[in-house]
C-alpha atoms as a PDB file:
ATOM      1  CA  UNK A   1      18.539   0.460 -18.017  1.00  0.00           C
ATOM      2  CA  UNK A   2      19.451  -2.536 -20.143  1.00  0.00           C
ATOM      3  CA  UNK A   3      23.095  -2.108 -19.153  1.00  0.00           C
ATOM      4  CA  UNK A   4      22.384  -2.322 -15.409  1.00  0.00           C
ATOM      5  CA  UNK A   5      19.821  -5.074 -15.838  1.00  0.00           C
ATOM      6  CA  UNK A   6      21.925  -7.134 -18.256  1.00  0.00           C
ATOM      7  CA  UNK A   7      25.025  -6.694 -16.142  1.00  0.00           C
ATOM      8  CA  UNK A   8      23.438  -7.782 -12.859  1.00  0.00           C
ATOM      9  CA  UNK A   9      20.586 -10.021 -14.041  1.00  0.00           C
ATOM     10  CA  UNK A  10      19.894 -12.688 -11.411  1.00  0.00           C
ATOM     11  CA  UNK A  11      21.538 -10.792  -8.553  1.00  0.00           C
ATOM     12  CA  UNK A  12      19.400  -9.536  -5.670  1.00  0.00           C
ATOM     13  CA  UNK A  13      18.916  -5.766  -6.094  1.00  0.00           C
ATOM     14  CA  UNK A  14      19.895  -5.246  -2.462  1.00  0.00           C
ATOM     15  CA  UNK A  15      23.484  -6.141  -3.321  1.00  0.00           C
ATOM     16  CA  UNK A  16      23.490  -3.443  -5.986  1.00  0.00           C
ATOM     17  CA  UNK A  17      21.923  -0.970  -3.558  1.00  0.00           C
ATOM     18  CA  UNK A  18      24.576  -1.719  -0.943  1.00  0.00           C
ATOM     19  CA  UNK A  19      27.355  -1.160  -3.512  1.00  0.00           C
ATOM     20  CA  UNK A  20      25.848   2.110  -4.711  1.00  0.00           C
ATOM     21  CA  UNK A  21      25.480   3.462  -1.186  1.00  0.00           C
ATOM     22  CA  UNK A  22      29.046   2.437  -0.376  1.00  0.00           C
ATOM     23  CA  UNK A  23      30.425   4.065  -3.524  1.00  0.00           C
ATOM     24  CA  UNK A  24      28.628   7.307  -2.704  1.00  0.00           C
ATOM     25  CA  UNK A  25      29.647   7.184   0.964  1.00  0.00           C
ATOM     26  CA  UNK A  26      26.032   7.164   2.163  1.00  0.00           C
ATOM     27  CA  UNK A  27      25.086   5.245   5.295  1.00  0.00           C
ATOM     28  CA  UNK A  28      22.029   3.009   5.214  1.00  0.00           C
ATOM     29  CA  UNK A  29      20.530   4.981   8.084  1.00  0.00           C
ATOM     30  CA  UNK A  30      20.833   8.388   6.454  1.00  0.00           C
ATOM     31  CA  UNK A  31      19.620   7.002   3.127  1.00  0.00           C
ATOM     32  CA  UNK A  32      16.610   5.353   4.744  1.00  0.00           C
ATOM     33  CA  UNK A  33      15.681   8.583   6.510  1.00  0.00           C
ATOM     34  CA  UNK A  34      16.099  10.579   3.298  1.00  0.00           C
ATOM     35  CA  UNK A  35      13.494   8.447   1.510  1.00  0.00           C
ATOM     36  CA  UNK A  36      11.161   8.051   4.482  1.00  0.00           C
ATOM     37  CA  UNK A  37      11.855   4.382   5.182  1.00  0.00           C
ATOM     38  CA  UNK A  38      12.989   2.442   8.227  1.00  0.00           C
ATOM     39  CA  UNK A  39      16.697   1.652   8.485  1.00  0.00           C
ATOM     40  CA  UNK A  40      15.788  -1.987   9.167  1.00  0.00           C
ATOM     41  CA  UNK A  41      13.961  -2.176   5.839  1.00  0.00           C
ATOM     42  CA  UNK A  42      16.958  -0.936   3.866  1.00  0.00           C
ATOM     43  CA  UNK A  43      19.286  -3.210   5.832  1.00  0.00           C
ATOM     44  CA  UNK A  44      17.129  -6.285   5.186  1.00  0.00           C
ATOM     45  CA  UNK A  45      17.054  -5.485   1.470  1.00  0.00           C
ATOM     46  CA  UNK A  46      20.824  -4.994   1.255  1.00  0.00           C
ATOM     47  CA  UNK A  47      21.327  -8.334   3.013  1.00  0.00           C
ATOM     48  CA  UNK A  48      18.996 -10.070   0.544  1.00  0.00           C
ATOM     49  CA  UNK A  49      16.560 -11.015   3.323  1.00  0.00           C
ATOM     50  CA  UNK A  50      13.710  -8.936   1.946  1.00  0.00           C
ATOM     51  CA  UNK A  51      12.308  -8.390  -1.516  1.00  0.00           C
ATOM     52  CA  UNK A  52      12.354  -4.954  -3.046  1.00  0.00           C
ATOM     53  CA  UNK A  53       8.802  -3.928  -3.918  1.00  0.00           C
ATOM     54  CA  UNK A  54       8.088  -1.656  -6.869  1.00  0.00           C
ATOM     55  CA  UNK A  55       7.099   1.410  -4.833  1.00  0.00           C
ATOM     56  CA  UNK A  56      10.296   1.319  -2.802  1.00  0.00           C
ATOM     57  CA  UNK A  57      12.379   0.571  -5.895  1.00  0.00           C
ATOM     58  CA  UNK A  58      11.025   3.722  -7.520  1.00  0.00           C
ATOM     59  CA  UNK A  59      11.883   5.841  -4.445  1.00  0.00           C
ATOM     60  CA  UNK A  60      15.414   4.436  -4.342  1.00  0.00           C
ATOM     61  CA  UNK A  61      15.946   4.891  -8.078  1.00  0.00           C
ATOM     62  CA  UNK A  62      14.785   8.497  -7.939  1.00  0.00           C
ATOM     63  CA  UNK A  63      17.002   9.337  -4.964  1.00  0.00           C
ATOM     64  CA  UNK A  64      20.104   7.682  -6.472  1.00  0.00           C
ATOM     65  CA  UNK A  65      19.432   8.852 -10.047  1.00  0.00           C
ATOM     66  CA  UNK A  66      19.130   5.315 -11.388  1.00  0.00           C
ATOM     67  CA  UNK A  67      17.020   4.724 -14.462  1.00  0.00           C
ATOM     68  CA  UNK A  68      13.416   4.090 -13.464  1.00  0.00           C
ATOM     69  CA  UNK A  69      12.453   0.429 -13.233  1.00  0.00           C
ATOM     70  CA  UNK A  70      15.951  -1.032 -13.236  1.00  0.00           C
ATOM     71  CA  UNK A  71      15.956  -2.222  -9.596  1.00  0.00           C
ATOM     72  CA  UNK A  72      12.406  -3.537  -9.928  1.00  0.00           C
ATOM     73  CA  UNK A  73      13.480  -5.528 -12.990  1.00  0.00           C
ATOM     74  CA  UNK A  74      16.468  -6.902 -11.114  1.00  0.00           C
ATOM     75  CA  UNK A  75      14.107  -8.094  -8.381  1.00  0.00           C
ATOM     76  CA  UNK A  76      11.927  -9.798 -10.994  1.00  0.00           C
ATOM     77  CA  UNK A  77      14.897 -11.560 -12.596  1.00  0.00           C
ATOM     78  CA  UNK A  78      16.124 -12.613  -9.153  1.00  0.00           C
ATOM     79  CA  UNK A  79      12.688 -14.054  -8.350  1.00  0.00           C
ATOM     80  CA  UNK A  80      12.662 -15.960 -11.650  1.00  0.00           C
ATOM     81  CA  UNK A  81      16.129 -17.367 -10.945  1.00  0.00           C
ATOM     82  CA  UNK A  82      15.062 -18.523  -7.476  1.00  0.00           C
ATOM     83  CA  UNK A  83      11.888 -20.116  -8.823  1.00  0.00           C
ATOM     84  CA  UNK A  84      13.839 -22.076 -11.418  1.00  0.00           C
ATOM     85  CA  UNK A  85      16.208 -23.375  -8.769  1.00  0.00           C
END
């Protein structure tokens, strides 16, 4: 977890999600359906227009085999960065 968090600290987790989906060749629509979310929700997160809440972060992490809590921590660091600015 520290590797992902340290590497991308301050970046919106949606950017990381978009990269991961692209690398795996998964469309936002099919991914959203596979975790029981709306496509618009996933799209808004990948565009950085919506925050990633903890419950959704956990669903995404489980589905993509990412260490638990890493995307939620990225969201927290992003929020801290924005607040400081």
